[in-house]
Amino acid sequence: MSAVIAAVVTVAAVAAGTGFSIYQSQEGKKSQEKAMQEQKRAQDQAATQAEAQSRKSEYAMNAANRRMPDMSSIMANAAKGAAGGPSGTMLTGPGGVDPNALALGKNTLLGG
């Protein structure tokens, strides 16, 4: 009878060990999934921070490299008459608009 009791105890111990093993593996899977989710969240946060830092450095570079207009060359070109002198435009030329071209066929100021 002691052999039967020993066999029953052995079977119970094996069953308990197997049950505990299954429980541990399921808990391990849950903790693995949780760890993977946390890692993904950390990666996403790092990517967001890297993008923000990149944007900040780009703004800083653009601010440092702002170009100012070359006023001396603009004024020199205007004085030389590149656009017809200081009062000339590309539409009217250096002489401006001829007042006679604006008259509507009459010699009076009111056109009548």
PDB file of N, CA and C in Angstrom:
ATOM      1  N   MET A   1       0.794  -1.171   0.000  1.00  0.00           N
ATOM      2  CA  MET A   1       0.000   0.000   0.000  1.00  0.00           C
ATOM      3  C   MET A   1       0.856   1.263   0.000  1.00  0.00           C
ATOM      4  N   SER A   2       1.971   1.174   0.602  1.00  0.00           N
ATOM      5  CA  SER A   2       2.849   2.332   0.606  1.00  0.00           C
ATOM      6  C   SER A   2       3.341   2.653  -0.800  1.00  0.00           C
ATOM      7  N   ALA A   3       3.433   1.643  -1.648  1.00  0.00           N
ATOM      8  CA  ALA A   3       3.837   1.887  -3.033  1.00  0.00           C
ATOM      9  C   ALA A   3       2.750   2.648  -3.780  1.00  0.00           C
ATOM     10  N   VAL A   4       1.487   2.349  -3.486  1.00  0.00           N
ATOM     11  CA  VAL A   4       0.361   3.033  -4.121  1.00  0.00           C
ATOM     12  C   VAL A   4       0.328   4.478  -3.635  1.00  0.00           C
ATOM     13  N   ILE A   5       0.536   4.665  -2.348  1.00  0.00           N
ATOM     14  CA  ILE A   5       0.549   6.024  -1.801  1.00  0.00           C
ATOM     15  C   ILE A   5       1.706   6.807  -2.402  1.00  0.00           C
ATOM     16  N   ALA A   6       2.839   6.179  -2.554  1.00  0.00           N
ATOM     17  CA  ALA A   6       3.999   6.841  -3.137  1.00  0.00           C
ATOM     18  C   ALA A   6       3.717   7.210  -4.594  1.00  0.00           C
ATOM     19  N   ALA A   7       3.038   6.322  -5.312  1.00  0.00           N
ATOM     20  CA  ALA A   7       2.708   6.593  -6.714  1.00  0.00           C
ATOM     21  C   ALA A   7       1.718   7.743  -6.816  1.00  0.00           C
ATOM     22  N   VAL A   8       0.707   7.756  -5.918  1.00  0.00           N
ATOM     23  CA  VAL A   8      -0.290   8.826  -5.921  1.00  0.00           C
ATOM     24  C   VAL A   8       0.379  10.159  -5.579  1.00  0.00           C
ATOM     25  N   VAL A   9       1.255  10.139  -4.609  1.00  0.00           N
ATOM     26  CA  VAL A   9       1.968  11.357  -4.221  1.00  0.00           C
ATOM     27  C   VAL A   9       2.846  11.840  -5.379  1.00  0.00           C
ATOM     28  N   THR A  10       3.494  10.908  -6.044  1.00  0.00           N
ATOM     29  CA  THR A  10       4.350  11.264  -7.181  1.00  0.00           C
ATOM     30  C   THR A  10       3.522  11.861  -8.310  1.00  0.00           C
ATOM     31  N   VAL A  11       2.379  11.253  -8.619  1.00  0.00           N
ATOM     32  CA  VAL A  11       1.500  11.768  -9.671  1.00  0.00           C
ATOM     33  C   VAL A  11       0.978  13.154  -9.284  1.00  0.00           C
ATOM     34  N   ALA A  12       0.622  13.327  -8.034  1.00  0.00           N
ATOM     35  CA  ALA A  12       0.126  14.625  -7.568  1.00  0.00           C
ATOM     36  C   ALA A  12       1.227  15.673  -7.655  1.00  0.00           C
ATOM     37  N   ALA A  13       2.445  15.300  -7.318  1.00  0.00           N
ATOM     38  CA  ALA A  13       3.571  16.236  -7.379  1.00  0.00           C
ATOM     39  C   ALA A  13       3.866  16.625  -8.827  1.00  0.00           C
ATOM     40  N   VAL A  14       3.827  15.652  -9.719  1.00  0.00           N
ATOM     41  CA  VAL A  14       4.061  15.927 -11.146  1.00  0.00           C
ATOM     42  C   VAL A  14       2.962  16.831 -11.682  1.00  0.00           C
ATOM     43  N   ALA A  15       1.716  16.547 -11.309  1.00  0.00           N
ATOM     44  CA  ALA A  15       0.590  17.368 -11.772  1.00  0.00           C
ATOM     45  C   ALA A  15       0.715  18.781 -11.229  1.00  0.00           C
ATOM     46  N   ALA A  16       1.072  18.907  -9.970  1.00  0.00           N
ATOM     47  CA  ALA A  16       1.235  20.237  -9.382  1.00  0.00           C
ATOM     48  C   ALA A  16       2.387  20.982 -10.045  1.00  0.00           C
ATOM     49  N   GLY A  17       3.465  20.286 -10.316  1.00  0.00           N
ATOM     50  CA  GLY A  17       4.620  20.899 -10.986  1.00  0.00           C
ATOM     51  C   GLY A  17       4.269  21.353 -12.390  1.00  0.00           C
ATOM     52  N   THR A  18       3.517  20.534 -13.116  1.00  0.00           N
ATOM     53  CA  THR A  18       3.088  20.889 -14.473  1.00  0.00           C
ATOM     54  C   THR A  18       2.160  22.092 -14.438  1.00  0.00           C
ATOM     55  N   GLY A  19       1.223  22.087 -13.497  1.00  0.00           N
ATOM     56  CA  GLY A  19       0.298  23.218 -13.372  1.00  0.00           C
ATOM     57  C   GLY A  19       1.035  24.505 -13.053  1.00  0.00           C
ATOM     58  N   PHE A  20       1.991  24.410 -12.137  1.00  0.00           N
ATOM     59  CA  PHE A  20       2.776  25.592 -11.793  1.00  0.00           C
ATOM     60  C   PHE A  20       3.592  26.066 -12.991  1.00  0.00           C
ATOM     61  N   SER A  21       4.128  25.124 -13.759  1.00  0.00           N
ATOM     62  CA  SER A  21       4.908  25.445 -14.955  1.00  0.00           C
ATOM     63  C   SER A  21       4.046  26.196 -15.971  1.00  0.00           C
ATOM     64  N   ILE A  22       2.844  25.709 -16.193  1.00  0.00           N
ATOM     65  CA  ILE A  22       1.930  26.361 -17.139  1.00  0.00           C
ATOM     66  C   ILE A  22       1.574  27.754 -16.648  1.00  0.00           C
ATOM     67  N   TYR A  23       1.293  27.876 -15.364  1.00  0.00           N
ATOM     68  CA  TYR A  23       0.959  29.183 -14.784  1.00  0.00           C
ATOM     69  C   TYR A  23       2.116  30.161 -14.973  1.00  0.00           C
ATOM     70  N   GLN A  24       3.334  29.696 -14.704  1.00  0.00           N
ATOM     71  CA  GLN A  24       4.503  30.567 -14.842  1.00  0.00           C
ATOM     72  C   GLN A  24       4.710  30.983 -16.290  1.00  0.00           C
ATOM     73  N   SER A  25       4.521  30.079 -17.231  1.00  0.00           N
ATOM     74  CA  SER A  25       4.732  30.424 -18.646  1.00  0.00           C
ATOM     75  C   SER A  25       3.695  31.455 -19.105  1.00  0.00           C
ATOM     76  N   GLN A  26       2.456  31.331 -18.632  1.00  0.00           N
ATOM     77  CA  GLN A  26       1.435  32.315 -18.993  1.00  0.00           C
ATOM     78  C   GLN A  26       1.746  33.671 -18.373  1.00  0.00           C
ATOM     79  N   GLU A  27       2.184  33.663 -17.129  1.00  0.00           N
ATOM     80  CA  GLU A  27       2.572  34.917 -16.480  1.00  0.00           C
ATOM     81  C   GLU A  27       3.779  35.516 -17.195  1.00  0.00           C
ATOM     82  N   GLY A  28       4.676  34.649 -17.627  1.00  0.00           N
ATOM     83  CA  GLY A  28       5.851  35.115 -18.363  1.00  0.00           C
ATOM     84  C   GLY A  28       5.460  35.758 -19.686  1.00  0.00           C
ATOM     85  N   LYS A  29       4.473  35.173 -20.368  1.00  0.00           N
ATOM     86  CA  LYS A  29       3.997  35.740 -21.632  1.00  0.00           C
ATOM     87  C   LYS A  29       3.373  37.107 -21.403  1.00  0.00           C
ATOM     88  N   LYS A  30       2.594  37.216 -20.326  1.00  0.00           N
ATOM     89  CA  LYS A  30       1.957  38.496 -20.024  1.00  0.00           C
ATOM     90  C   LYS A  30       3.011  39.556 -19.724  1.00  0.00           C
ATOM     91  N   SER A  31       4.009  39.187 -18.953  1.00  0.00           N
ATOM     92  CA  SER A  31       5.042  40.174 -18.620  1.00  0.00           C
ATOM     93  C   SER A  31       5.876  40.510 -19.851  1.00  0.00           C
ATOM     94  N   GLN A  32       6.074  39.536 -20.749  1.00  0.00           N
ATOM     95  CA  GLN A  32       6.794  39.803 -21.998  1.00  0.00           C
ATOM     96  C   GLN A  32       6.015  40.783 -22.860  1.00  0.00           C
ATOM     97  N   GLU A  33       4.715  40.561 -22.979  1.00  0.00           N
ATOM     98  CA  GLU A  33       3.878  41.462 -23.777  1.00  0.00           C
ATOM     99  C   GLU A  33       3.890  42.869 -23.197  1.00  0.00           C
ATOM    100  N   LYS A  34       3.811  42.940 -21.877  1.00  0.00           N
ATOM    101  CA  LYS A  34       3.837  44.242 -21.220  1.00  0.00           C
ATOM    102  C   LYS A  34       5.181  44.926 -21.448  1.00  0.00           C
ATOM    103  N   ALA A  35       6.262  44.172 -21.364  1.00  0.00           N
ATOM    104  CA  ALA A  35       7.598  44.733 -21.596  1.00  0.00           C
ATOM    105  C   ALA A  35       7.734  45.215 -23.044  1.00  0.00           C
ATOM    106  N   MET A  36       7.179  44.473 -23.988  1.00  0.00           N
ATOM    107  CA  MET A  36       7.247  44.872 -25.393  1.00  0.00           C
ATOM    108  C   MET A  36       6.452  46.153 -25.635  1.00  0.00           C
ATOM    109  N   GLN A  37       5.277  46.266 -24.981  1.00  0.00           N
ATOM    110  CA  GLN A  37       4.477  47.476 -25.122  1.00  0.00           C
ATOM    111  C   GLN A  37       5.213  48.685 -24.554  1.00  0.00           C
ATOM    112  N   GLU A  38       5.845  48.508 -23.404  1.00  0.00           N
ATOM    113  CA  GLU A  38       6.602  49.604 -22.803  1.00  0.00           C
ATOM    114  C   GLU A  38       7.789  49.996 -23.671  1.00  0.00           C
ATOM    115  N   GLN A  39       8.437  49.003 -24.265  1.00  0.00           N
ATOM    116  CA  GLN A  39       9.569  49.292 -25.145  1.00  0.00           C
ATOM    117  C   GLN A  39       9.104  50.056 -26.381  1.00  0.00           C
ATOM    118  N   LYS A  40       7.989  49.651 -26.955  1.00  0.00           N
ATOM    119  CA  LYS A  40       7.454  50.352 -28.136  1.00  0.00           C
ATOM    120  C   LYS A  40       7.096  51.788 -27.770  1.00  0.00           C
ATOM    121  N   ARG A  41       6.476  51.978 -26.614  1.00  0.00           N
ATOM    122  CA  ARG A  41       6.117  53.318 -26.155  1.00  0.00           C
ATOM    123  C   ARG A  41       7.380  54.174 -25.986  1.00  0.00           C
ATOM    124  N   ALA A  42       8.431  53.591 -25.426  1.00  0.00           N
ATOM    125  CA  ALA A  42       9.689  54.318 -25.240  1.00  0.00           C
ATOM    126  C   ALA A  42      10.319  54.666 -26.589  1.00  0.00           C
ATOM    127  N   GLN A  43      10.244  53.754 -27.549  1.00  0.00           N
ATOM    128  CA  GLN A  43      10.788  54.027 -28.882  1.00  0.00           C
ATOM    129  C   GLN A  43      10.014  55.148 -29.562  1.00  0.00           C
ATOM    130  N   ASP A  44       8.702  55.122 -29.449  1.00  0.00           N
ATOM    131  CA  ASP A  44       7.876  56.177 -30.044  1.00  0.00           C
ATOM    132  C   ASP A  44       8.204  57.539 -29.420  1.00  0.00           C
ATOM    133  N   GLN A  45       8.357  57.542 -28.101  1.00  0.00           N
ATOM    134  CA  GLN A  45       8.683  58.789 -27.410  1.00  0.00           C
ATOM    135  C   GLN A  45      10.058  59.292 -27.838  1.00  0.00           C
ATOM    136  N   ALA A  46      11.027  58.398 -27.984  1.00  0.00           N
ATOM    137  CA  ALA A  46      12.367  58.797 -28.418  1.00  0.00           C
ATOM    138  C   ALA A  46      12.335  59.351 -29.844  1.00  0.00           C
ATOM    139  N   ALA A  47      11.544  58.735 -30.707  1.00  0.00           N
ATOM    140  CA  ALA A  47      11.428  59.221 -32.079  1.00  0.00           C
ATOM    141  C   ALA A  47      10.794  60.610 -32.110  1.00  0.00           C
ATOM    142  N   THR A  48       9.785  60.825 -31.293  1.00  0.00           N
ATOM    143  CA  THR A  48       9.134  62.138 -31.218  1.00  0.00           C
ATOM    144  C   THR A  48      10.105  63.193 -30.720  1.00  0.00           C
ATOM    145  N   GLN A  49      10.873  62.855 -29.696  1.00  0.00           N
ATOM    146  CA  GLN A  49      11.852  63.801 -29.170  1.00  0.00           C
ATOM    147  C   GLN A  49      12.942  64.098 -30.192  1.00  0.00           C
ATOM    148  N   ALA A  50      13.379  63.089 -30.920  1.00  0.00           N
ATOM    149  CA  ALA A  50      14.413  63.296 -31.937  1.00  0.00           C
ATOM    150  C   ALA A  50      13.898  64.206 -33.047  1.00  0.00           C
ATOM    151  N   GLU A  51      12.653  64.014 -33.448  1.00  0.00           N
ATOM    152  CA  GLU A  51      12.066  64.861 -34.487  1.00  0.00           C
ATOM    153  C   GLU A  51      11.946  66.310 -34.008  1.00  0.00           C
ATOM    154  N   ALA A  52      11.536  66.492 -32.759  1.00  0.00           N
ATOM    155  CA  ALA A  52      11.423  67.846 -32.208  1.00  0.00           C
ATOM    156  C   ALA A  52      12.791  68.512 -32.128  1.00  0.00           C
ATOM    157  N   GLN A  53      13.798  67.764 -31.728  1.00  0.00           N
ATOM    158  CA  GLN A  53      15.152  68.315 -31.641  1.00  0.00           C
ATOM    159  C   GLN A  53      15.667  68.671 -33.032  1.00  0.00           C
ATOM    160  N   SER A  54      15.375  67.849 -34.014  1.00  0.00           N
ATOM    161  CA  SER A  54      15.785  68.125 -35.390  1.00  0.00           C
ATOM    162  C   SER A  54      15.138  69.406 -35.895  1.00  0.00           C
ATOM    163  N   ARG A  55      13.845  69.571 -35.599  1.00  0.00           N
ATOM    164  CA  ARG A  55      13.127  70.776 -36.004  1.00  0.00           C
ATOM    165  C   ARG A  55      13.735  72.020 -35.350  1.00  0.00           C
ATOM    166  N   LYS A  56      14.061  71.913 -34.052  1.00  0.00           N
ATOM    167  CA  LYS A  56      14.658  73.042 -33.341  1.00  0.00           C
ATOM    168  C   LYS A  56      16.002  73.420 -33.939  1.00  0.00           C
ATOM    169  N   SER A  57      16.813  72.424 -34.268  1.00  0.00           N
ATOM    170  CA  SER A  57      18.126  72.733 -34.831  1.00  0.00           C
ATOM    171  C   SER A  57      17.987  73.321 -36.231  1.00  0.00           C
ATOM    172  N   GLU A  58      16.995  72.877 -36.988  1.00  0.00           N
ATOM    173  CA  GLU A  58      16.761  73.449 -38.317  1.00  0.00           C
ATOM    174  C   GLU A  58      16.345  74.912 -38.205  1.00  0.00           C
ATOM    175  N   TYR A  59      15.462  75.222 -37.239  1.00  0.00           N
ATOM    176  CA  TYR A  59      15.067  76.617 -37.019  1.00  0.00           C
ATOM    177  C   TYR A  59      16.264  77.474 -36.625  1.00  0.00           C
ATOM    178  N   ALA A  60      17.119  76.920 -35.766  1.00  0.00           N
ATOM    179  CA  ALA A  60      18.303  77.668 -35.332  1.00  0.00           C
ATOM    180  C   ALA A  60      19.241  77.920 -36.501  1.00  0.00           C
ATOM    181  N   MET A  61      19.409  76.917 -37.358  1.00  0.00           N
ATOM    182  CA  MET A  61      20.277  77.096 -38.538  1.00  0.00           C
ATOM    183  C   MET A  61      19.692  78.141 -39.479  1.00  0.00           C
ATOM    184  N   ASN A  62      18.381  78.093 -39.688  1.00  0.00           N
ATOM    185  CA  ASN A  62      17.743  79.071 -40.570  1.00  0.00           C
ATOM    186  C   ASN A  62      17.857  80.477 -39.997  1.00  0.00           C
ATOM    187  N   ALA A  63      17.727  80.605 -38.692  1.00  0.00           N
ATOM    188  CA  ALA A  63      17.844  81.917 -38.068  1.00  0.00           C
ATOM    189  C   ALA A  63      19.269  82.441 -38.187  1.00  0.00           C
ATOM    190  N   ALA A  64      20.242  81.567 -38.068  1.00  0.00           N
ATOM    191  CA  ALA A  64      21.643  81.984 -38.159  1.00  0.00           C
ATOM    192  C   ALA A  64      22.031  82.346 -39.592  1.00  0.00           C
ATOM    193  N   ASN A  65      21.366  81.729 -40.560  1.00  0.00           N
ATOM    194  CA  ASN A  65      21.747  81.941 -41.957  1.00  0.00           C
ATOM    195  C   ASN A  65      20.811  82.889 -42.697  1.00  0.00           C
ATOM    196  N   ARG A  66      20.086  83.698 -41.972  1.00  0.00           N
ATOM    197  CA  ARG A  66      19.187  84.638 -42.646  1.00  0.00           C
ATOM    198  C   ARG A  66      19.996  85.579 -43.524  1.00  0.00           C
ATOM    199  N   ARG A  67      19.457  85.858 -44.662  1.00  0.00           N
ATOM    200  CA  ARG A  67      20.143  86.743 -45.604  1.00  0.00           C
ATOM    201  C   ARG A  67      19.520  88.122 -45.543  1.00  0.00           C
ATOM    202  N   MET A  68      20.377  89.102 -45.548  1.00  0.00           N
ATOM    203  CA  MET A  68      19.935  90.487 -45.578  1.00  0.00           C
ATOM    204  C   MET A  68      20.094  90.992 -47.019  1.00  0.00           C
ATOM    205  N   PRO A  69      19.224  91.873 -47.494  1.00  0.00           N
ATOM    206  CA  PRO A  69      19.376  92.392 -48.849  1.00  0.00           C
ATOM    207  C   PRO A  69      20.630  93.254 -48.936  1.00  0.00           C
ATOM    208  N   ASP A  70      21.279  93.204 -50.092  1.00  0.00           N
ATOM    209  CA  ASP A  70      22.492  93.991 -50.327  1.00  0.00           C
ATOM    210  C   ASP A  70      22.069  95.387 -50.772  1.00  0.00           C
ATOM    211  N   MET A  71      21.872  96.260 -49.792  1.00  0.00           N
ATOM    212  CA  MET A  71      21.355  97.604 -50.074  1.00  0.00           C
ATOM    213  C   MET A  71      22.327  98.411 -50.930  1.00  0.00           C
ATOM    214  N   SER A  72      23.621  98.238 -50.742  1.00  0.00           N
ATOM    215  CA  SER A  72      24.582  99.029 -51.512  1.00  0.00           C
ATOM    216  C   SER A  72      24.492  98.713 -52.998  1.00  0.00           C
ATOM    217  N   SER A  73      24.342  97.443 -53.373  1.00  0.00           N
ATOM    218  CA  SER A  73      24.239  97.119 -54.794  1.00  0.00           C
ATOM    219  C   SER A  73      22.888  97.557 -55.357  1.00  0.00           C
ATOM    220  N   ILE A  74      21.826  97.501 -54.550  1.00  0.00           N
ATOM    221  CA  ILE A  74      20.514  97.959 -55.012  1.00  0.00           C
ATOM    222  C   ILE A  74      20.560  99.456 -55.312  1.00  0.00           C
ATOM    223  N   MET A  75      21.142 100.214 -54.414  1.00  0.00           N
ATOM    224  CA  MET A  75      21.237 101.664 -54.612  1.00  0.00           C
ATOM    225  C   MET A  75      22.170 101.999 -55.777  1.00  0.00           C
ATOM    226  N   ALA A  76      23.252 101.236 -55.934  1.00  0.00           N
ATOM    227  CA  ALA A  76      24.180 101.484 -57.039  1.00  0.00           C
ATOM    228  C   ALA A  76      23.493 101.220 -58.381  1.00  0.00           C
ATOM    229  N   ASN A  77      22.722 100.143 -58.468  1.00  0.00           N
ATOM    230  CA  ASN A  77      21.999  99.842 -59.706  1.00  0.00           C
ATOM    231  C   ASN A  77      20.951 100.911 -60.010  1.00  0.00           C
ATOM    232  N   ALA A  78      20.289 101.423 -58.992  1.00  0.00           N
ATOM    233  CA  ALA A  78      19.283 102.460 -59.200  1.00  0.00           C
ATOM    234  C   ALA A  78      19.947 103.746 -59.671  1.00  0.00           C
ATOM    235  N   ALA A  79      21.125 104.058 -59.122  1.00  0.00           N
ATOM    236  CA  ALA A  79      21.832 105.278 -59.523  1.00  0.00           C
ATOM    237  C   ALA A  79      22.359 105.165 -60.952  1.00  0.00           C
ATOM    238  N   LYS A  80      22.760 103.993 -61.376  1.00  0.00           N
ATOM    239  CA  LYS A  80      23.273 103.783 -62.737  1.00  0.00           C
ATOM    240  C   LYS A  80      22.162 103.830 -63.768  1.00  0.00           C
ATOM    241  N   GLY A  81      20.948 103.641 -63.338  1.00  0.00           N
ATOM    242  CA  GLY A  81      19.834 103.644 -64.274  1.00  0.00           C
ATOM    243  C   GLY A  81      19.475 102.266 -64.751  1.00  0.00           C
ATOM    244  N   ALA A  82      19.750 101.261 -63.972  1.00  0.00           N
ATOM    245  CA  ALA A  82      19.434  99.893 -64.367  1.00  0.00           C
ATOM    246  C   ALA A  82      17.939  99.716 -64.579  1.00  0.00           C
ATOM    247  N   ALA A  83      17.126 100.446 -63.821  1.00  0.00           N
ATOM    248  CA  ALA A  83      15.679 100.364 -63.990  1.00  0.00           C
ATOM    249  C   ALA A  83      15.153 101.691 -64.512  1.00  0.00           C
ATOM    250  N   GLY A  84      16.008 102.457 -65.173  1.00  0.00           N
ATOM    251  CA  GLY A  84      15.567 103.739 -65.724  1.00  0.00           C
ATOM    252  C   GLY A  84      15.765 104.881 -64.747  1.00  0.00           C
ATOM    253  N   GLY A  85      16.617 104.721 -63.770  1.00  0.00           N
ATOM    254  CA  GLY A  85      16.844 105.784 -62.805  1.00  0.00           C
ATOM    255  C   GLY A  85      15.994 105.575 -61.577  1.00  0.00           C
ATOM    256  N   PRO A  86      16.139 106.456 -60.598  1.00  0.00           N
ATOM    257  CA  PRO A  86      15.414 106.259 -59.352  1.00  0.00           C
ATOM    258  C   PRO A  86      13.892 106.355 -59.509  1.00  0.00           C
ATOM    259  N   SER A  87      13.403 107.096 -60.519  1.00  0.00           N
ATOM    260  CA  SER A  87      11.956 107.221 -60.657  1.00  0.00           C
ATOM    261  C   SER A  87      11.391 106.328 -61.749  1.00  0.00           C
ATOM    262  N   GLY A  88      12.223 105.625 -62.473  1.00  0.00           N
ATOM    263  CA  GLY A  88      11.746 104.790 -63.568  1.00  0.00           C
ATOM    264  C   GLY A  88      11.259 103.449 -63.075  1.00  0.00           C
ATOM    265  N   THR A  89      10.304 102.913 -63.808  1.00  0.00           N
ATOM    266  CA  THR A  89       9.832 101.565 -63.528  1.00  0.00           C
ATOM    267  C   THR A  89       9.894 100.780 -64.816  1.00  0.00           C
ATOM    268  N   MET A  90       9.655  99.515 -64.730  1.00  0.00           N
ATOM    269  CA  MET A  90       9.676  98.695 -65.939  1.00  0.00           C
ATOM    270  C   MET A  90       8.455  98.982 -66.806  1.00  0.00           C
ATOM    271  N   LEU A  91       7.375  99.525 -66.244  1.00  0.00           N
ATOM    272  CA  LEU A  91       6.162  99.778 -67.010  1.00  0.00           C
ATOM    273  C   LEU A  91       6.198 101.125 -67.720  1.00  0.00           C
ATOM    274  N   THR A  92       6.707 102.167 -67.068  1.00  0.00           N
ATOM    275  CA  THR A  92       6.657 103.515 -67.654  1.00  0.00           C
ATOM    276  C   THR A  92       7.958 103.932 -68.276  1.00  0.00           C
ATOM    277  N   GLY A  93       9.060 103.364 -67.870  1.00  0.00           N
ATOM    278  CA  GLY A  93      10.354 103.784 -68.377  1.00  0.00           C
ATOM    279  C   GLY A  93      10.851 104.992 -67.607  1.00  0.00           C
ATOM    280  N   PRO A  94      12.008 105.547 -68.019  1.00  0.00           N
ATOM    281  CA  PRO A  94      12.598 106.639 -67.255  1.00  0.00           C
ATOM    282  C   PRO A  94      11.821 107.945 -67.353  1.00  0.00           C
ATOM    283  N   GLY A  95      11.064 108.128 -68.390  1.00  0.00           N
ATOM    284  CA  GLY A  95      10.354 109.396 -68.570  1.00  0.00           C
ATOM    285  C   GLY A  95       9.001 109.450 -67.888  1.00  0.00           C
ATOM    286  N   GLY A  96       8.524 108.348 -67.403  1.00  0.00           N
ATOM    287  CA  GLY A  96       7.206 108.325 -66.791  1.00  0.00           C
ATOM    288  C   GLY A  96       6.132 108.235 -67.857  1.00  0.00           C
ATOM    289  N   VAL A  97       4.922 108.690 -67.550  1.00  0.00           N
ATOM    290  CA  VAL A  97       3.786 108.642 -68.471  1.00  0.00           C
ATOM    291  C   VAL A  97       3.605 110.018 -69.092  1.00  0.00           C
ATOM    292  N   ASP A  98       3.406 110.052 -70.417  1.00  0.00           N
ATOM    293  CA  ASP A  98       3.164 111.309 -71.129  1.00  0.00           C
ATOM    294  C   ASP A  98       1.760 111.796 -70.795  1.00  0.00           C
ATOM    295  N   PRO A  99       1.613 113.005 -70.231  1.00  0.00           N
ATOM    296  CA  PRO A  99       0.281 113.494 -69.869  1.00  0.00           C
ATOM    297  C   PRO A  99      -0.643 113.632 -71.079  1.00  0.00           C
ATOM    298  N   ASN A 100      -0.114 113.904 -72.286  1.00  0.00           N
ATOM    299  CA  ASN A 100      -0.949 114.020 -73.482  1.00  0.00           C
ATOM    300  C   ASN A 100      -1.563 112.677 -73.868  1.00  0.00           C
ATOM    301  N   ALA A 101      -0.930 111.595 -73.493  1.00  0.00           N
ATOM    302  CA  ALA A 101      -1.473 110.276 -73.809  1.00  0.00           C
ATOM    303  C   ALA A 101      -2.693 109.975 -72.949  1.00  0.00           C
ATOM    304  N   LEU A 102      -2.859 110.706 -71.866  1.00  0.00           N
ATOM    305  CA  LEU A 102      -3.998 110.478 -70.980  1.00  0.00           C
ATOM    306  C   LEU A 102      -5.223 111.293 -71.388  1.00  0.00           C
ATOM    307  N   ALA A 103      -5.046 112.306 -72.238  1.00  0.00           N
ATOM    308  CA  ALA A 103      -6.176 113.145 -72.654  1.00  0.00           C
ATOM    309  C   ALA A 103      -7.121 112.332 -73.534  1.00  0.00           C
ATOM    310  N   LEU A 104      -8.398 112.603 -73.393  1.00  0.00           N
ATOM    311  CA  LEU A 104      -9.397 111.851 -74.138  1.00  0.00           C
ATOM    312  C   LEU A 104      -9.826 112.589 -75.405  1.00  0.00           C
ATOM    313  N   GLY A 105      -8.875 113.228 -76.083  1.00  0.00           N
ATOM    314  CA  GLY A 105      -9.185 113.922 -77.314  1.00  0.00           C
ATOM    315  C   GLY A 105      -9.547 115.380 -77.112  1.00  0.00           C
ATOM    316  N   LYS A 106      -9.522 115.912 -75.970  1.00  0.00           N
ATOM    317  CA  LYS A 106      -9.869 117.299 -75.669  1.00  0.00           C
ATOM    318  C   LYS A 106      -8.659 117.978 -75.029  1.00  0.00           C
ATOM    319  N   ASN A 107      -8.624 119.278 -75.138  1.00  0.00           N
ATOM    320  CA  ASN A 107      -7.500 120.024 -74.605  1.00  0.00           C
ATOM    321  C   ASN A 107      -7.766 120.569 -73.206  1.00  0.00           C
ATOM    322  N   THR A 108      -8.968 120.456 -72.688  1.00  0.00           N
ATOM    323  CA  THR A 108      -9.269 121.010 -71.379  1.00  0.00           C
ATOM    324  C   THR A 108      -8.953 119.997 -70.283  1.00  0.00           C
ATOM    325  N   LEU A 109      -8.856 120.473 -69.095  1.00  0.00           N
ATOM    326  CA  LEU A 109      -8.570 119.581 -67.986  1.00  0.00           C
ATOM    327  C   LEU A 109      -9.729 118.660 -67.672  1.00  0.00           C
ATOM    328  N   LEU A 110     -10.960 119.147 -67.923  1.00  0.00           N
ATOM    329  CA  LEU A 110     -12.125 118.328 -67.623  1.00  0.00           C
ATOM    330  C   LEU A 110     -12.544 117.455 -68.779  1.00  0.00           C
ATOM    331  N   GLY A 111     -11.868 117.587 -69.922  1.00  0.00           N
ATOM    332  CA  GLY A 111     -12.189 116.738 -71.067  1.00  0.00           C
ATOM    333  C   GLY A 111     -13.416 117.199 -71.833  1.00  0.00           C
ATOM    334  N   GLY A 112     -13.908 118.395 -71.619  1.00  0.00           N
ATOM    335  CA  GLY A 112     -15.145 118.827 -72.231  1.00  0.00           C
ATOM    336  C   GLY A 112     -15.039 119.881 -73.209  1.00  0.00           C
TER     337      GLY A 112
END
